[in-house]
Amino acid sequence: MVVADVKSGDILALANYPFFNPNIYGKTSASDRRNRAALDIYEPGSTLKPILFAAALEEAVIEPDTLVDCENGRWRVGRKTIRDHHRARWLPARKVLRYSSNIGSAKIARDLGADAYYSYLVKLGLTEKPSVRLPAMRSGMLRPPSEWTEVDQAAIAFGQGIGTTALQLAQAFMCIASGGETRPLRLVKDPESPAPKPGVRVFSRQTAQTVLKLMEEVVEMDGTGRRARIPGITMAGKTGTAQKAGPGGYGDKYMSSFVGMVPSLDPELLILCMVDEPKGIDYGGIVAAPVAREVFVETLALRGKLPDAQAASALADAETVDEVNPEALPQQAALPAPKVIEPGKRVPDVKGLPLRRALDILLKKGIVPVIEGDGMTVTGQRPAPGAPWPEPAEEAEDDVFILQLS
């Protein structure tokens, strides 16, 4: 999991699971201690497609409504057959991305050309280590286009046959989130790092905005990323489900991923989630997107940027954010005051409050609650109303403050 602030490039969180306790270093395995976001190279799968689209838009190969023949879900390239889960014939390019068509993406890459596509992947840093102060990192794997076969070019279009780290992929998407200019990630805030290289314009601002709008459709309409949707918040996102190569070729193990940016057209937060070898269901939209959604919700809550409950409810009833009539949104009503039992000494009753309001109350007391459920209204809490405020020492044990939502 990588969480970054788009405006500054700061990495807000960099986490791997399963966790390990550094205080008992000798009892942990090397695998558990490995910083996978910086060291593990994965084929990103369809999460890479927005970058292909950005390159194709920049080179005027496609427009959002350019029709692409998706061959009813099966297309022969060389000695390989490319398949789509969403079977269709003619799709506009925007729906090629929304439904994550491998065939449509391969055809766009064919029209773009191997040399042009490769040049954009290089400009986005997918052949070099990210500019992050870590003791060990890797630079991914990408062969020069002179070595690509017709099948290779098709596969790289949908994120197979190319290897990246999570940090590389996050840094590449920072360019799209930042209006088409590269923006290096920063891990250490103090002492200050050496002055970063100035941003390089890779895509026009118009191209970046168009790609963000297409990625918004992936989440906000009937695309593969709709399980990441947060009522009242616009999000640009893309799912990925990549087969993992083994000694005998590609098998039945997968890397599921999701990249998201909020708000969609002027992103402030970027989150990349990658789940290695999920069991049972392996689609990125089912496995990784809900995880990213949970992190988005908690991060936005900590920043006080979750929508008000009434507006969120109105937006949730619409098929997409674009379909909401602003005049139909209820006027902001006065939020109910919490029923404080003993101000400053006892836990208030925050049940029935919007999540945002409850968090404002608790965070001012230095309490960062654990959130259970996916709703926007608090329906339960622990400790119970009237109990003493949890002390910092207690929070580390069993008395974590929990808000239950519905």
Protein backbone atom coordinates (compact mmCIF):
# COMPACT_ATOMS: atom_id res chain seq x y z
CA MET A 1 0.00 0.00 0.00
CA VAL A 2 1.34 3.42 -1.00
CA VAL A 3 -0.44 6.63 0.01
CA ALA A 4 0.89 9.93 -1.36
CA ASP A 5 0.00 13.61 -1.16
CA VAL A 6 -0.22 14.72 -4.78
CA LYS A 7 0.52 18.40 -4.21
CA SER A 8 3.77 17.87 -2.28
CA GLY A 9 4.82 14.39 -3.41
CA ASP A 10 5.05 13.31 0.24
CA ILE A 11 4.60 9.61 0.92
CA LEU A 12 2.08 9.59 3.77
CA ALA A 13 2.10 5.81 4.23
CA LEU A 14 4.11 2.90 2.90
CA ALA A 15 2.88 -0.38 4.33
CA ASN A 16 3.32 -4.10 3.77
CA TYR A 17 1.32 -6.97 5.21
CA PRO A 18 1.81 -9.25 7.06
CA PHE A 19 3.35 -6.94 9.67
CA PHE A 20 6.34 -7.73 11.86
CA ASN A 21 7.58 -6.45 15.20
CA PRO A 22 11.01 -4.82 14.81
CA ASN A 23 11.58 -5.26 18.55
CA ILE A 24 11.86 -9.03 18.03
CA TYR A 25 13.84 -8.82 14.82
CA GLY A 26 15.47 -12.23 15.28
CA LYS A 27 12.11 -14.02 15.43
CA THR A 28 10.87 -12.66 12.10
CA SER A 29 11.53 -14.01 8.62
CA ALA A 30 13.35 -12.14 5.88
CA SER A 31 10.18 -12.34 3.82
CA ASP A 32 8.17 -10.50 6.47
CA ARG A 33 10.82 -7.77 6.80
CA ARG A 34 11.06 -7.17 3.06
CA ASN A 35 9.96 -3.73 1.83
CA ARG A 36 7.89 -5.09 -1.04
CA ALA A 37 6.83 -1.69 -2.37
CA ALA A 38 10.46 -0.85 -3.16
CA LEU A 39 11.97 -4.26 -3.92
CA ASP A 40 9.37 -6.58 -5.44
CA ILE A 41 8.90 -6.36 -9.21
CA TYR A 42 5.44 -7.21 -10.51
CA GLU A 43 3.65 -7.17 -13.81
CA PRO A 44 1.08 -4.46 -13.08
CA GLY A 45 -1.63 -5.72 -15.40
CA SER A 46 -4.48 -3.42 -16.37
CA THR A 47 -3.49 -0.79 -13.79
CA LEU A 48 -0.99 0.31 -16.46
CA LYS A 49 -3.67 1.01 -19.10
CA PRO A 50 -4.28 4.69 -18.20
CA ILE A 51 -0.63 5.35 -19.05
CA LEU A 52 -1.12 3.78 -22.48
CA PHE A 53 -4.22 5.93 -22.97
CA ALA A 54 -2.33 9.07 -21.94
CA ALA A 55 0.38 8.31 -24.51
CA ALA A 56 -2.17 7.56 -27.24
CA LEU A 57 -4.15 10.74 -26.49
CA GLU A 58 -0.98 12.83 -26.45
CA GLU A 59 0.06 11.44 -29.84
CA ALA A 60 -3.46 12.01 -31.26
CA VAL A 61 -3.87 8.28 -31.94
CA ILE A 62 -7.26 8.22 -30.21
CA GLU A 63 -9.93 10.49 -28.82
CA PRO A 64 -12.21 9.39 -25.97
CA ASP A 65 -14.96 8.46 -28.43
CA THR A 66 -12.77 6.75 -31.05
CA LEU A 67 -14.38 3.39 -31.85
CA VAL A 68 -12.24 0.28 -31.34
CA ASP A 69 -13.15 -3.20 -32.58
CA CYS A 70 -12.89 -5.51 -29.55
CA GLU A 71 -13.61 -8.63 -31.62
CA ASN A 72 -16.38 -9.98 -29.35
CA GLY A 73 -13.85 -10.88 -26.68
CA ARG A 74 -11.33 -13.01 -28.66
CA TRP A 75 -8.50 -11.82 -30.92
CA ARG A 76 -5.61 -13.75 -32.37
CA VAL A 77 -2.18 -12.06 -32.24
CA GLY A 78 0.63 -14.15 -33.66
CA ARG A 79 0.29 -17.55 -32.00
CA LYS A 80 -1.58 -16.21 -28.96
CA THR A 81 -5.26 -15.47 -28.36
CA ILE A 82 -6.13 -12.40 -26.31
CA ARG A 83 -9.40 -12.61 -24.37
CA ASP A 84 -11.67 -10.10 -22.66
CA HIS A 85 -13.98 -10.80 -19.72
CA HIS A 86 -16.40 -8.15 -20.97
CA ARG A 87 -17.24 -9.37 -24.47
CA ALA A 88 -18.11 -6.61 -26.94
CA ARG A 89 -17.59 -5.67 -30.57
CA TRP A 90 -17.26 -1.92 -31.14
CA LEU A 91 -16.48 0.20 -28.08
CA PRO A 92 -15.51 3.86 -27.79
CA ALA A 93 -12.04 4.23 -26.29
CA ARG A 94 -13.51 5.53 -23.01
CA LYS A 95 -15.33 2.20 -22.57
CA VAL A 96 -12.23 0.23 -23.53
CA LEU A 97 -10.71 1.67 -20.36
CA ARG A 98 -13.90 1.54 -18.30
CA TYR A 99 -14.43 -2.18 -18.98
CA SER A 100 -10.66 -2.85 -19.13
CA SER A 101 -10.61 -4.45 -22.57
CA ASN A 102 -7.28 -6.15 -23.26
CA ILE A 103 -8.09 -6.42 -26.95
CA GLY A 104 -8.99 -2.75 -27.28
CA SER A 105 -5.85 -1.73 -25.40
CA ALA A 106 -3.65 -3.96 -27.58
CA LYS A 107 -5.09 -2.36 -30.71
CA ILE A 108 -4.49 1.14 -29.36
CA ALA A 109 -0.88 0.19 -28.57
CA ARG A 110 -0.47 -1.22 -32.08
CA ASP A 111 -1.62 2.08 -33.59
CA LEU A 112 0.59 4.07 -31.20
CA GLY A 113 3.70 2.06 -32.07
CA ALA A 114 6.28 0.36 -29.88
CA ASP A 115 8.87 3.17 -29.99
CA ALA A 116 6.42 5.88 -28.98
CA TYR A 117 4.89 3.80 -26.18
CA TYR A 118 8.32 2.87 -24.83
CA SER A 119 9.44 6.50 -24.83
CA TYR A 120 6.55 7.46 -22.53
CA LEU A 121 7.24 4.56 -20.16
CA VAL A 122 10.84 5.79 -19.91
CA LYS A 123 9.79 9.41 -19.31
CA LEU A 124 7.56 8.25 -16.47
CA GLY A 125 10.48 6.56 -14.74
CA LEU A 126 9.51 2.94 -15.28
CA THR A 127 13.07 2.01 -16.22
CA GLU A 128 14.83 3.65 -13.25
CA LYS A 129 14.69 3.74 -9.46
CA PRO A 130 12.32 6.29 -7.90
CA SER A 131 13.85 9.33 -6.23
CA VAL A 132 13.06 8.11 -2.72
CA ARG A 133 15.59 7.92 0.10
CA LEU A 134 15.55 4.19 0.85
CA PRO A 135 18.58 1.94 1.38
CA ALA A 136 17.48 -0.50 -1.32
CA MET A 137 15.24 -0.19 -4.36
CA ARG A 138 14.85 -1.79 -7.76
CA SER A 139 14.26 -0.26 -11.14
CA GLY A 140 11.81 -2.59 -12.81
CA MET A 141 12.16 -4.59 -16.01
CA LEU A 142 11.41 -3.37 -19.52
CA ARG A 143 13.14 -4.56 -22.67
CA PRO A 144 13.84 -2.07 -25.48
CA PRO A 145 11.21 -1.99 -28.23
CA SER A 146 13.68 -3.45 -30.76
CA GLU A 147 13.24 -6.72 -28.88
CA TRP A 148 9.44 -6.65 -28.76
CA THR A 149 7.46 -9.10 -30.84
CA GLU A 150 3.91 -8.41 -31.95
CA VAL A 151 2.72 -10.43 -28.95
CA ASP A 152 5.02 -8.51 -26.58
CA GLN A 153 3.64 -5.18 -27.74
CA ALA A 154 0.07 -6.38 -27.21
CA ALA A 155 0.88 -7.80 -23.76
CA ILE A 156 2.68 -4.66 -22.55
CA ALA A 157 -0.40 -2.67 -23.58
CA PHE A 158 -2.32 -4.36 -20.76
CA GLY A 159 0.52 -4.56 -18.27
CA GLN A 160 2.01 -8.02 -18.90
CA GLY A 161 5.59 -8.47 -20.06
CA ILE A 162 6.71 -5.41 -18.10
CA GLY A 163 7.89 -5.40 -14.47
CA THR A 164 7.52 -2.46 -12.07
CA THR A 165 7.69 -1.87 -8.34
CA ALA A 166 4.77 -0.32 -6.49
CA LEU A 167 6.82 2.85 -5.92
CA GLN A 168 7.61 3.15 -9.63
CA LEU A 169 3.96 2.75 -10.55
CA ALA A 170 2.83 5.28 -7.92
CA GLN A 171 5.39 7.79 -9.16
CA ALA A 172 4.22 7.31 -12.76
CA PHE A 173 0.63 8.07 -11.76
CA MET A 174 1.79 11.16 -9.88
CA CYS A 175 2.49 12.64 -13.30
CA ILE A 176 -1.11 12.19 -14.42
CA ALA A 177 -2.43 13.41 -11.07
CA SER A 178 -0.19 16.49 -11.29
CA GLY A 179 -1.52 17.69 -14.63
CA GLY A 180 1.01 15.94 -16.87
CA GLU A 181 4.26 16.95 -15.12
CA THR A 182 6.47 14.49 -13.27
CA ARG A 183 6.49 14.94 -9.51
CA PRO A 184 9.04 12.97 -7.49
CA LEU A 185 7.92 11.15 -4.37
CA ARG A 186 9.45 12.21 -1.07
CA LEU A 187 9.77 9.96 1.98
CA VAL A 188 11.94 11.95 4.42
CA LYS A 189 10.65 15.38 5.45
CA ASP A 190 13.29 16.37 8.02
CA PRO A 191 16.18 16.75 7.42
CA GLU A 192 15.27 18.01 4.00
CA SER A 193 16.30 15.96 1.01
CA PRO A 194 18.50 17.47 -1.68
CA ALA A 195 16.48 19.67 -4.00
CA PRO A 196 14.44 17.40 -6.29
CA LYS A 197 14.80 17.57 -10.02
CA PRO A 198 12.34 20.04 -11.54
CA GLY A 199 9.23 18.47 -12.98
CA VAL A 200 9.30 17.48 -16.62
CA ARG A 201 6.17 17.85 -18.72
CA VAL A 202 5.31 14.47 -20.22
CA PHE A 203 1.64 15.05 -21.12
CA SER A 204 -0.30 18.21 -21.81
CA ARG A 205 -2.64 19.37 -19.08
CA GLN A 206 -5.56 18.57 -21.38
CA THR A 207 -4.35 14.99 -21.84
CA ALA A 208 -3.94 14.50 -18.08
CA GLN A 209 -7.44 15.89 -17.45
CA THR A 210 -8.93 13.62 -20.10
CA VAL A 211 -7.30 10.53 -18.62
CA LEU A 212 -8.51 11.47 -15.13
CA LYS A 213 -12.02 11.88 -16.51
CA LEU A 214 -11.85 8.44 -18.16
CA MET A 215 -10.54 6.94 -14.91
CA GLU A 216 -13.43 8.61 -13.09
CA GLU A 217 -15.82 6.62 -15.28
CA VAL A 218 -14.06 3.39 -14.18
CA VAL A 219 -15.17 4.12 -10.58
CA GLU A 220 -18.25 6.31 -10.86
CA MET A 221 -20.06 4.50 -13.69
CA ASP A 222 -20.36 0.76 -14.38
CA GLY A 223 -16.62 0.17 -14.66
CA THR A 224 -14.40 -2.38 -13.01
CA GLY A 225 -13.53 -0.07 -10.08
CA ARG A 226 -17.01 0.72 -8.79
CA ARG A 227 -16.38 -1.09 -5.47
CA ALA A 228 -13.97 1.72 -4.61
CA ARG A 229 -16.72 4.32 -4.91
CA ILE A 230 -17.25 6.66 -1.93
CA PRO A 231 -20.61 8.46 -1.95
CA GLY A 232 -20.08 12.18 -2.21
CA ILE A 233 -16.43 11.92 -3.31
CA THR A 234 -15.32 11.81 -6.95
CA MET A 235 -12.53 9.33 -7.60
CA ALA A 236 -10.38 8.47 -10.61
CA GLY A 237 -9.19 4.88 -10.52
CA LYS A 238 -8.11 1.78 -12.38
CA THR A 239 -8.11 -1.89 -11.48
CA GLY A 240 -5.58 -4.55 -12.44
CA THR A 241 -5.50 -8.36 -12.42
CA ALA A 242 -2.18 -9.67 -13.68
CA GLN A 243 -1.17 -13.28 -14.14
CA LYS A 244 2.12 -14.09 -12.42
CA ALA A 245 4.83 -15.80 -14.39
CA GLY A 246 6.52 -18.88 -12.92
CA PRO A 247 9.17 -21.36 -14.05
CA GLY A 248 6.71 -22.97 -16.47
CA GLY A 249 5.14 -19.75 -17.73
CA TYR A 250 1.92 -18.09 -16.62
CA GLY A 251 -0.16 -20.12 -14.19
CA ASP A 252 -3.06 -19.64 -11.79
CA LYS A 253 -1.46 -17.08 -9.46
CA TYR A 254 -2.34 -13.41 -9.76
CA MET A 255 -1.44 -9.91 -8.60
CA SER A 256 -4.56 -7.82 -7.95
CA SER A 257 -4.23 -4.04 -7.84
CA PHE A 258 -6.02 -0.73 -7.75
CA VAL A 259 -4.79 2.85 -8.16
CA GLY A 260 -7.06 5.71 -7.15
CA MET A 261 -6.93 9.50 -6.91
CA VAL A 262 -9.31 11.88 -5.13
CA PRO A 263 -10.91 14.20 -5.98
CA SER A 264 -10.92 12.94 -9.52
CA LEU A 265 -10.15 16.05 -11.58
CA ASP A 266 -7.85 17.86 -9.12
CA PRO A 267 -6.32 15.04 -7.07
CA GLU A 268 -4.96 15.62 -3.58
CA LEU A 269 -4.46 11.99 -2.56
CA LEU A 270 -3.11 9.03 -4.53
CA ILE A 271 -3.41 5.46 -3.24
CA LEU A 272 -1.95 2.33 -4.81
CA CYS A 273 -2.96 -1.06 -3.40
CA MET A 274 -1.42 -4.34 -4.61
CA VAL A 275 -2.53 -7.74 -3.29
CA ASP A 276 -0.14 -10.59 -4.06
CA GLU A 277 -1.72 -13.98 -4.80
CA PRO A 278 -5.21 -13.48 -3.36
CA LYS A 279 -7.07 -16.68 -2.57
CA GLY A 280 -10.29 -17.55 -4.37
CA ILE A 281 -11.44 -14.40 -6.17
CA ASP A 282 -8.54 -12.56 -7.79
CA TYR A 283 -10.07 -9.61 -9.69
CA GLY A 284 -8.49 -6.29 -8.71
CA GLY A 285 -11.89 -4.61 -8.67
CA ILE A 286 -13.13 -7.08 -6.04
CA VAL A 287 -9.94 -7.68 -4.04
CA ALA A 288 -7.89 -4.46 -4.08
CA ALA A 289 -10.45 -1.72 -4.77
CA PRO A 290 -12.38 -2.15 -1.48
CA VAL A 291 -9.10 -2.06 0.48
CA ALA A 292 -8.12 1.21 -1.19
CA ARG A 293 -11.60 2.56 -0.50
CA GLU A 294 -11.23 1.86 3.22
CA VAL A 295 -7.90 3.68 3.36
CA PHE A 296 -9.34 6.62 1.40
CA VAL A 297 -12.29 6.88 3.82
CA GLU A 298 -10.09 6.90 6.92
CA THR A 299 -7.55 9.30 5.40
CA LEU A 300 -10.25 11.72 4.27
CA ALA A 301 -11.88 11.46 7.70
CA LEU A 302 -8.61 12.40 9.41
CA ARG A 303 -8.36 15.41 7.08
CA GLY A 304 -11.96 16.43 7.75
CA LYS A 305 -12.92 15.97 4.09
CA LEU A 306 -15.61 13.32 4.21
CA PRO A 307 -18.91 14.59 2.78
CA ASP A 308 -21.82 15.49 5.03
CA ALA A 309 -24.22 12.61 5.58
CA GLN A 310 -27.17 14.16 3.74
CA ALA A 311 -25.19 15.05 0.62
CA ALA A 312 -23.54 11.61 0.64
CA SER A 313 -26.95 9.92 0.79
CA ALA A 314 -28.23 11.96 -2.14
CA LEU A 315 -25.17 11.15 -4.21
CA ALA A 316 -25.37 7.46 -3.35
CA ASP A 317 -28.87 7.28 -4.82
CA ALA A 318 -27.59 8.41 -8.25
CA GLU A 319 -26.01 6.09 -10.79
CA THR A 320 -23.09 8.49 -11.24
CA VAL A 321 -21.91 11.78 -9.83
CA ASP A 322 -22.62 13.40 -13.19
CA GLU A 323 -26.32 12.49 -12.90
CA VAL A 324 -26.87 14.41 -9.67
CA ASN A 325 -28.94 17.57 -9.98
CA PRO A 326 -27.32 20.10 -7.61
CA GLU A 327 -30.75 21.62 -6.96
CA ALA A 328 -31.94 18.25 -5.62
CA LEU A 329 -29.30 18.15 -2.90
CA PRO A 330 -30.70 18.98 0.53
CA GLN A 331 -29.63 22.21 2.14
CA GLN A 332 -27.06 21.81 4.90
CA ALA A 333 -28.94 21.27 8.14
CA ALA A 334 -27.54 22.07 11.55
CA LEU A 335 -25.70 19.02 12.87
CA PRO A 336 -27.05 17.66 16.16
CA ALA A 337 -24.89 18.46 19.14
CA PRO A 338 -23.28 15.50 20.88
CA LYS A 339 -24.85 14.61 24.21
CA VAL A 340 -21.81 15.30 26.39
CA ILE A 341 -22.15 13.64 29.79
CA GLU A 342 -19.27 15.37 31.59
CA PRO A 343 -17.42 17.82 29.35
CA GLY A 344 -13.70 17.12 29.22
CA LYS A 345 -13.88 14.10 31.50
CA ARG A 346 -16.32 11.58 30.05
CA VAL A 347 -16.89 10.02 26.64
CA PRO A 348 -19.69 11.82 24.75
CA ASP A 349 -22.52 10.01 23.04
CA VAL A 350 -21.70 10.31 19.32
CA LYS A 351 -24.22 7.70 18.16
CA GLY A 352 -26.45 9.06 15.43
CA LEU A 353 -23.91 11.66 14.32
CA PRO A 354 -22.37 11.79 10.84
CA LEU A 355 -18.95 10.15 10.84
CA ARG A 356 -17.27 13.45 9.99
CA ARG A 357 -18.77 15.20 13.02
CA ALA A 358 -17.91 12.32 15.37
CA LEU A 359 -14.32 12.33 14.16
CA ASP A 360 -14.02 16.08 14.71
CA ILE A 361 -15.03 15.59 18.34
CA LEU A 362 -12.70 12.67 19.00
CA LEU A 363 -9.66 13.99 17.15
CA LYS A 364 -9.78 17.23 19.17
CA LYS A 365 -9.39 15.03 22.23
CA GLY A 366 -6.40 13.24 20.70
CA ILE A 367 -8.39 10.04 20.04
CA VAL A 368 -7.94 8.35 16.65
CA PRO A 369 -10.77 5.79 16.53
CA VAL A 370 -10.92 2.47 14.74
CA ILE A 371 -13.76 2.52 12.20
CA GLU A 372 -15.88 -0.57 11.62
CA GLY A 373 -18.39 -0.76 8.78
CA ASP A 374 -18.90 1.11 5.51
CA GLY A 375 -21.64 3.61 6.35
CA MET A 376 -21.55 7.33 7.02
CA THR A 377 -23.45 7.42 10.35
CA VAL A 378 -22.25 6.24 13.76
CA THR A 379 -24.55 3.52 15.13
CA GLY A 380 -22.37 2.22 17.95
CA GLN A 381 -19.29 3.13 19.95
CA ARG A 382 -16.85 1.65 22.41
CA PRO A 383 -16.11 2.86 25.15
CA ALA A 384 -19.77 3.50 25.95
CA PRO A 385 -21.06 7.02 26.55
CA GLY A 386 -20.19 8.23 30.02
CA ALA A 387 -17.03 6.15 30.36
CA PRO A 388 -13.76 7.95 31.19
CA TRP A 389 -11.79 9.22 28.20
CA PRO A 390 -9.22 6.56 27.21
CA GLU A 391 -5.71 7.42 28.34
CA PRO A 392 -2.86 7.12 25.78
CA ALA A 393 -1.41 4.14 27.61
CA GLU A 394 -4.78 2.40 27.57
CA GLU A 395 -5.25 3.00 23.85
CA ALA A 396 -2.24 0.82 23.10
CA GLU A 397 -3.88 -2.13 24.89
CA ASP A 398 -7.54 -3.17 24.80
CA ASP A 399 -9.37 0.13 25.16
CA VAL A 400 -9.13 1.34 21.59
CA PHE A 401 -11.94 3.72 20.71
CA ILE A 402 -14.20 2.05 18.13
CA LEU A 403 -16.88 3.65 15.98
CA GLN A 404 -19.39 1.33 14.32
CA LEU A 405 -21.02 2.61 11.13
CA SER A 406 -24.00 1.71 9.01
